[in-house]
Amino acid sequence: MTKFDTRVEELIAKHPHLTKDEAIKIITEKNERKKQKRNARTNKVKG
């Protein structure tokens, strides 16, 4: 299993009411927010 799959499974285990699709959406959105923060920090250092 990939790290992404592992995170999805952990989220479902912690919150059994979630469907797999909902968990994937949550993880994907979180990853996007993390990317934006990372890019903002990198740009701040460069600029």
PDB file of N, CA and C in Angstrom:
ATOM      1  N   MET A   1       0.831  -1.190   0.000  1.00  0.00           N
ATOM      2  CA  MET A   1       0.000   0.000   0.000  1.00  0.00           C
ATOM      3  C   MET A   1       0.873   1.252   0.000  1.00  0.00           C
ATOM      4  N   THR A   2       0.379   2.257  -0.666  1.00  0.00           N
ATOM      5  CA  THR A   2       1.103   3.526  -0.693  1.00  0.00           C
ATOM      6  C   THR A   2       0.805   4.300   0.590  1.00  0.00           C
ATOM      7  N   LYS A   3       1.569   5.343   0.806  1.00  0.00           N
ATOM      8  CA  LYS A   3       1.362   6.183   1.988  1.00  0.00           C
ATOM      9  C   LYS A   3      -0.037   6.799   1.955  1.00  0.00           C
ATOM     10  N   PHE A   4      -0.481   7.175   0.756  1.00  0.00           N
ATOM     11  CA  PHE A   4      -1.813   7.768   0.599  1.00  0.00           C
ATOM     12  C   PHE A   4      -2.891   6.774   1.021  1.00  0.00           C
ATOM     13  N   ASP A   5      -2.775   5.525   0.527  1.00  0.00           N
ATOM     14  CA  ASP A   5      -3.753   4.489   0.881  1.00  0.00           C
ATOM     15  C   ASP A   5      -3.766   4.241   2.385  1.00  0.00           C
ATOM     16  N   THR A   6      -2.582   4.250   2.971  1.00  0.00           N
ATOM     17  CA  THR A   6      -2.472   4.036   4.413  1.00  0.00           C
ATOM     18  C   THR A   6      -3.199   5.136   5.172  1.00  0.00           C
ATOM     19  N   ARG A   7      -3.007   6.376   4.743  1.00  0.00           N
ATOM     20  CA  ARG A   7      -3.684   7.504   5.411  1.00  0.00           C
ATOM     21  C   ARG A   7      -5.198   7.403   5.279  1.00  0.00           C
ATOM     22  N   VAL A   8      -5.657   6.988   4.096  1.00  0.00           N
ATOM     23  CA  VAL A   8      -7.102   6.834   3.879  1.00  0.00           C
ATOM     24  C   VAL A   8      -7.643   5.767   4.826  1.00  0.00           C
ATOM     25  N   GLU A   9      -6.951   4.634   4.915  1.00  0.00           N
ATOM     26  CA  GLU A   9      -7.395   3.544   5.791  1.00  0.00           C
ATOM     27  C   GLU A   9      -7.395   3.980   7.257  1.00  0.00           C
ATOM     28  N   GLU A  10      -6.369   4.735   7.671  1.00  0.00           N
ATOM     29  CA  GLU A  10      -6.303   5.217   9.055  1.00  0.00           C
ATOM     30  C   GLU A  10      -7.464   6.161   9.357  1.00  0.00           C
ATOM     31  N   LEU A  11      -7.782   7.024   8.402  1.00  0.00           N
ATOM     32  CA  LEU A  11      -8.878   7.969   8.595  1.00  0.00           C
ATOM     33  C   LEU A  11     -10.212   7.232   8.708  1.00  0.00           C
ATOM     34  N   ILE A  12     -10.405   6.220   7.880  1.00  0.00           N
ATOM     35  CA  ILE A  12     -11.640   5.431   7.931  1.00  0.00           C
ATOM     36  C   ILE A  12     -11.723   4.663   9.252  1.00  0.00           C
ATOM     37  N   ALA A  13     -10.580   4.144   9.718  1.00  0.00           N
ATOM     38  CA  ALA A  13     -10.567   3.418  10.990  1.00  0.00           C
ATOM     39  C   ALA A  13     -10.928   4.346  12.152  1.00  0.00           C
ATOM     40  N   LYS A  14     -10.441   5.576  12.085  1.00  0.00           N
ATOM     41  CA  LYS A  14     -10.695   6.541  13.152  1.00  0.00           C
ATOM     42  C   LYS A  14     -12.131   7.060  13.099  1.00  0.00           C
ATOM     43  N   HIS A  15     -12.664   7.208  11.884  1.00  0.00           N
ATOM     44  CA  HIS A  15     -14.021   7.728  11.679  1.00  0.00           C
ATOM     45  C   HIS A  15     -14.794   6.762  10.780  1.00  0.00           C
ATOM     46  N   PRO A  16     -15.338   5.705  11.349  1.00  0.00           N
ATOM     47  CA  PRO A  16     -15.994   4.656  10.540  1.00  0.00           C
ATOM     48  C   PRO A  16     -17.201   5.124   9.733  1.00  0.00           C
ATOM     49  N   HIS A  17     -17.781   6.274  10.095  1.00  0.00           N
ATOM     50  CA  HIS A  17     -18.951   6.756   9.355  1.00  0.00           C
ATOM     51  C   HIS A  17     -18.574   7.302   7.973  1.00  0.00           C
ATOM     52  N   LEU A  18     -17.287   7.570   7.740  1.00  0.00           N
ATOM     53  CA  LEU A  18     -16.847   8.097   6.443  1.00  0.00           C
ATOM     54  C   LEU A  18     -16.820   6.993   5.393  1.00  0.00           C
ATOM     55  N   THR A  19     -17.166   7.366   4.167  1.00  0.00           N
ATOM     56  CA  THR A  19     -16.986   6.430   3.064  1.00  0.00           C
ATOM     57  C   THR A  19     -15.561   6.593   2.553  1.00  0.00           C
ATOM     58  N   LYS A  20     -15.125   5.646   1.747  1.00  0.00           N
ATOM     59  CA  LYS A  20     -13.765   5.725   1.212  1.00  0.00           C
ATOM     60  C   LYS A  20     -13.605   6.968   0.335  1.00  0.00           C
ATOM     61  N   ASP A  21     -14.618   7.287  -0.461  1.00  0.00           N
ATOM     62  CA  ASP A  21     -14.560   8.475  -1.325  1.00  0.00           C
ATOM     63  C   ASP A  21     -14.440   9.759  -0.505  1.00  0.00           C
ATOM     64  N   GLU A  22     -15.191   9.832   0.593  1.00  0.00           N
ATOM     65  CA  GLU A  22     -15.110  11.016   1.454  1.00  0.00           C
ATOM     66  C   GLU A  22     -13.720  11.138   2.076  1.00  0.00           C
ATOM     67  N   ALA A  23     -13.166  10.026   2.513  1.00  0.00           N
ATOM     68  CA  ALA A  23     -11.832  10.035   3.120  1.00  0.00           C
ATOM     69  C   ALA A  23     -10.784  10.465   2.099  1.00  0.00           C
ATOM     70  N   ILE A  24     -10.901   9.974   0.866  1.00  0.00           N
ATOM     71  CA  ILE A  24      -9.961  10.358  -0.194  1.00  0.00           C
ATOM     72  C   ILE A  24     -10.052  11.858  -0.447  1.00  0.00           C
ATOM     73  N   LYS A  25     -11.272  12.384  -0.482  1.00  0.00           N
ATOM     74  CA  LYS A  25     -11.461  13.823  -0.707  1.00  0.00           C
ATOM     75  C   LYS A  25     -10.809  14.635   0.414  1.00  0.00           C
ATOM     76  N   ILE A  26     -10.985  14.208   1.653  1.00  0.00           N
ATOM     77  CA  ILE A  26     -10.408  14.917   2.802  1.00  0.00           C
ATOM     78  C   ILE A  26      -8.887  14.914   2.724  1.00  0.00           C
ATOM     79  N   ILE A  27      -8.302  13.757   2.444  1.00  0.00           N
ATOM     80  CA  ILE A  27      -6.840  13.645   2.363  1.00  0.00           C
ATOM     81  C   ILE A  27      -6.310  14.499   1.213  1.00  0.00           C
ATOM     82  N   THR A  28      -6.983  14.462   0.067  1.00  0.00           N
ATOM     83  CA  THR A  28      -6.547  15.242  -1.094  1.00  0.00           C
ATOM     84  C   THR A  28      -6.581  16.733  -0.788  1.00  0.00           C
ATOM     85  N   GLU A  29      -7.667  17.192  -0.159  1.00  0.00           N
ATOM     86  CA  GLU A  29      -7.772  18.609   0.195  1.00  0.00           C
ATOM     87  C   GLU A  29      -6.690  19.007   1.188  1.00  0.00           C
ATOM     88  N   LYS A  30      -6.415  18.137   2.146  1.00  0.00           N
ATOM     89  CA  LYS A  30      -5.366  18.432   3.131  1.00  0.00           C
ATOM     90  C   LYS A  30      -4.011  18.542   2.440  1.00  0.00           C
ATOM     91  N   ASN A  31      -3.745  17.626   1.504  1.00  0.00           N
ATOM     92  CA  ASN A  31      -2.476  17.667   0.777  1.00  0.00           C
ATOM     93  C   ASN A  31      -2.342  18.962  -0.015  1.00  0.00           C
ATOM     94  N   GLU A  32      -3.440  19.430  -0.618  1.00  0.00           N
ATOM     95  CA  GLU A  32      -3.406  20.688  -1.364  1.00  0.00           C
ATOM     96  C   GLU A  32      -3.084  21.865  -0.445  1.00  0.00           C
ATOM     97  N   ARG A  33      -3.704  21.884   0.738  1.00  0.00           N
ATOM     98  CA  ARG A  33      -3.422  22.963   1.695  1.00  0.00           C
ATOM     99  C   ARG A  33      -1.963  22.931   2.127  1.00  0.00           C
ATOM    100  N   LYS A  34      -1.432  21.724   2.342  1.00  0.00           N
ATOM    101  CA  LYS A  34      -0.027  21.596   2.740  1.00  0.00           C
ATOM    102  C   LYS A  34       0.895  22.096   1.633  1.00  0.00           C
ATOM    103  N   LYS A  35       0.557  21.786   0.378  1.00  0.00           N
ATOM    104  CA  LYS A  35       1.359  22.255  -0.759  1.00  0.00           C
ATOM    105  C   LYS A  35       1.355  23.778  -0.820  1.00  0.00           C
ATOM    106  N   GLN A  36       0.184  24.382  -0.632  1.00  0.00           N
ATOM    107  CA  GLN A  36       0.079  25.840  -0.675  1.00  0.00           C
ATOM    108  C   GLN A  36       0.913  26.480   0.427  1.00  0.00           C
ATOM    109  N   LYS A  37       0.859  25.922   1.626  1.00  0.00           N
ATOM    110  CA  LYS A  37       1.658  26.456   2.732  1.00  0.00           C
ATOM    111  C   LYS A  37       3.144  26.334   2.428  1.00  0.00           C
ATOM    112  N   ARG A  38       3.531  25.175   1.906  1.00  0.00           N
ATOM    113  CA  ARG A  38       4.935  24.929   1.587  1.00  0.00           C
ATOM    114  C   ARG A  38       5.417  25.918   0.530  1.00  0.00           C
ATOM    115  N   ASN A  39       4.609  26.129  -0.506  1.00  0.00           N
ATOM    116  CA  ASN A  39       4.971  27.073  -1.568  1.00  0.00           C
ATOM    117  C   ASN A  39       5.043  28.496  -1.035  1.00  0.00           C
ATOM    118  N   ALA A  40       4.134  28.856  -0.157  1.00  0.00           N
ATOM    119  CA  ALA A  40       4.142  30.203   0.415  1.00  0.00           C
ATOM    120  C   ALA A  40       5.417  30.422   1.219  1.00  0.00           C
ATOM    121  N   ARG A  41       5.816  29.414   1.980  1.00  0.00           N
ATOM    122  CA  ARG A  41       7.046  29.531   2.764  1.00  0.00           C
ATOM    123  C   ARG A  41       8.264  29.639   1.858  1.00  0.00           C
ATOM    124  N   THR A  42       8.294  28.850   0.795  1.00  0.00           N
ATOM    125  CA  THR A  42       9.434  28.871  -0.125  1.00  0.00           C
ATOM    126  C   THR A  42       9.528  30.226  -0.809  1.00  0.00           C
ATOM    127  N   ASN A  43       8.394  30.746  -1.245  1.00  0.00           N
ATOM    128  CA  ASN A  43       8.379  32.053  -1.906  1.00  0.00           C
ATOM    129  C   ASN A  43       8.785  33.160  -0.942  1.00  0.00           C
ATOM    130  N   LYS A  44       8.410  33.025   0.315  1.00  0.00           N
ATOM    131  CA  LYS A  44       8.759  34.026   1.316  1.00  0.00           C
ATOM    132  C   LYS A  44      10.278  34.069   1.512  1.00  0.00           C
ATOM    133  N   VAL A  45      10.904  32.904   1.526  1.00  0.00           N
ATOM    134  CA  VAL A  45      12.355  32.822   1.702  1.00  0.00           C
ATOM    135  C   VAL A  45      13.066  33.390   0.480  1.00  0.00           C
ATOM    136  N   LYS A  46      12.563  33.071  -0.709  1.00  0.00           N
ATOM    137  CA  LYS A  46      13.185  33.542  -1.953  1.00  0.00           C
ATOM    138  C   LYS A  46      13.007  35.048  -2.130  1.00  0.00           C
ATOM    139  N   GLY A  47      11.828  35.555  -1.773  1.00  0.00           N
ATOM    140  CA  GLY A  47      11.492  36.947  -2.047  1.00  0.00           C
ATOM    141  C   GLY A  47      11.865  37.810  -0.952  1.00  0.00           C
TER     142      GLY A  47
END
